[in-house]
């Protein structure tokens, strides 16, 4: 289990990762001033390889990266996902493309 200090954005990203099958399980612990997120990472049982091979942070506090739904990035030609923060919440690039909304690209995961 990995412990991460919790915020609403981190909670939403954790939920998306769980829904898409990149993590095995998660738990929000509301202790202390900000709480933590406990994450159980997912591994392939045959060859012990992580489900998350790479996580690349795109937007940073000093340089935000915004895209419209027409210029939405494709991660590894559709094998990975991009997580976006939109006006309708945190979602993947595919969901944002279907709803025709853009937003801030938070990270790429594959």
Protein backbone atom coordinates (compact mmCIF):
# COMPACT_ATOMS: atom_id res chain seq x y z
CA UNK A 1 0.00 0.00 0.00
CA UNK A 2 1.19 3.49 -0.89
CA UNK A 3 0.02 6.46 1.22
CA UNK A 4 -0.61 9.81 -0.50
CA UNK A 5 -1.81 13.05 1.18
CA UNK A 6 -5.41 13.54 0.05
CA UNK A 7 -7.11 16.41 -1.75
CA UNK A 8 -10.31 16.40 -3.83
CA UNK A 9 -8.40 16.37 -7.13
CA UNK A 10 -6.23 13.45 -5.98
CA UNK A 11 -9.33 11.55 -4.87
CA UNK A 12 -10.94 12.01 -8.28
CA UNK A 13 -7.76 10.90 -10.09
CA UNK A 14 -7.62 7.81 -7.85
CA UNK A 15 -11.23 6.95 -8.73
CA UNK A 16 -10.49 7.25 -12.47
CA UNK A 17 -7.41 5.01 -12.14
CA UNK A 18 -9.49 2.39 -10.30
CA UNK A 19 -12.31 2.51 -12.87
CA UNK A 20 -9.86 2.05 -15.75
CA UNK A 21 -8.09 -0.87 -14.05
CA UNK A 22 -4.69 0.72 -13.34
CA UNK A 23 -4.87 0.15 -9.56
CA UNK A 24 -6.21 -2.81 -7.60
CA UNK A 25 -7.92 -0.97 -4.74
CA UNK A 26 -7.89 2.29 -2.78
CA UNK A 27 -9.07 3.64 0.57
CA UNK A 28 -9.53 7.22 1.78
CA UNK A 29 -8.38 7.69 5.39
CA UNK A 30 -9.72 10.93 6.89
CA UNK A 31 -7.20 11.28 9.73
CA UNK A 32 -5.30 14.47 10.45
CA UNK A 33 -5.77 17.84 8.77
CA UNK A 34 -5.84 16.55 5.17
CA UNK A 35 -6.16 12.75 5.28
CA UNK A 36 -4.41 10.19 3.10
CA UNK A 37 -5.17 7.84 0.24
CA UNK A 38 -4.02 4.22 0.54
CA UNK A 39 -3.51 2.64 -2.87
CA UNK A 40 -2.96 -1.07 -3.64
CA UNK A 41 -0.99 -1.25 -6.89
CA UNK A 42 -1.95 -3.77 -9.56
CA UNK A 43 0.59 -6.31 -10.87
CA UNK A 44 0.48 -8.97 -13.58
CA UNK A 45 0.75 -12.26 -11.63
CA UNK A 46 2.65 -14.11 -14.39
CA UNK A 47 5.62 -11.79 -14.89
CA UNK A 48 5.28 -9.36 -11.93
CA UNK A 49 4.97 -6.24 -14.13
CA UNK A 50 3.15 -3.12 -12.88
CA UNK A 51 -0.13 -2.14 -14.54
CA UNK A 52 1.11 1.48 -14.50
CA UNK A 53 4.28 1.52 -16.58
CA UNK A 54 4.65 5.28 -16.74
CA UNK A 55 2.86 8.33 -15.34
CA UNK A 56 3.81 11.65 -16.90
CA UNK A 57 2.64 14.89 -15.29
CA UNK A 58 1.64 17.39 -17.98
CA UNK A 59 0.24 20.48 -16.24
CA UNK A 60 2.38 22.03 -13.55
CA UNK A 61 1.66 25.02 -11.32
CA UNK A 62 4.03 27.11 -13.44
CA UNK A 63 2.74 25.95 -16.83
CA UNK A 64 -0.85 24.83 -17.25
CA UNK A 65 -1.74 22.82 -20.39
CA UNK A 66 -5.30 23.29 -21.69
CA UNK A 67 -6.80 21.59 -24.74
CA UNK A 68 -10.09 21.66 -26.58
CA UNK A 69 -11.86 18.43 -27.43
CA UNK A 70 -10.62 18.58 -31.03
CA UNK A 71 -6.94 18.69 -30.05
CA UNK A 72 -7.28 16.05 -27.34
CA UNK A 73 -4.04 14.03 -26.95
CA UNK A 74 -3.89 10.30 -27.74
CA UNK A 75 -1.54 8.44 -25.42
CA UNK A 76 0.40 5.61 -27.13
CA UNK A 77 -2.09 5.70 -30.02
CA UNK A 78 -4.99 4.87 -27.67
CA UNK A 79 -3.28 2.27 -25.45
CA UNK A 80 -2.86 4.72 -22.55
CA UNK A 81 -5.11 7.41 -21.09
CA UNK A 82 -4.87 11.13 -20.45
CA UNK A 83 -6.61 12.42 -17.32
CA UNK A 84 -8.25 15.82 -17.68
CA UNK A 85 -9.83 18.24 -15.27
CA UNK A 86 -12.91 19.64 -17.01
CA UNK A 87 -15.88 21.77 -16.07
CA UNK A 88 -17.83 18.51 -15.55
CA UNK A 89 -15.21 16.91 -13.29
CA UNK A 90 -12.12 14.74 -13.69
CA UNK A 91 -12.33 12.29 -16.62
CA UNK A 92 -10.31 10.51 -19.27
CA UNK A 93 -9.54 11.87 -22.72
CA UNK A 94 -12.00 9.44 -24.34
CA UNK A 95 -14.89 10.53 -22.08
CA UNK A 96 -14.10 14.21 -22.70
CA UNK A 97 -14.00 13.63 -26.46
CA UNK A 98 -17.41 11.91 -26.35
CA UNK A 99 -18.93 14.79 -24.33
CA UNK A 100 -17.16 17.35 -26.58
CA UNK A 101 -15.57 19.29 -23.74
CA UNK A 102 -11.96 20.34 -23.23
CA UNK A 103 -10.01 21.03 -20.10
CA UNK A 104 -6.65 20.94 -18.33
CA UNK A 105 -4.48 17.90 -19.10
CA UNK A 106 -3.24 16.63 -15.73
CA UNK A 107 -1.25 13.53 -16.71
CA UNK A 108 -0.66 10.71 -19.18
CA UNK A 109 -0.76 7.10 -17.95
CA UNK A 110 0.24 3.93 -19.75
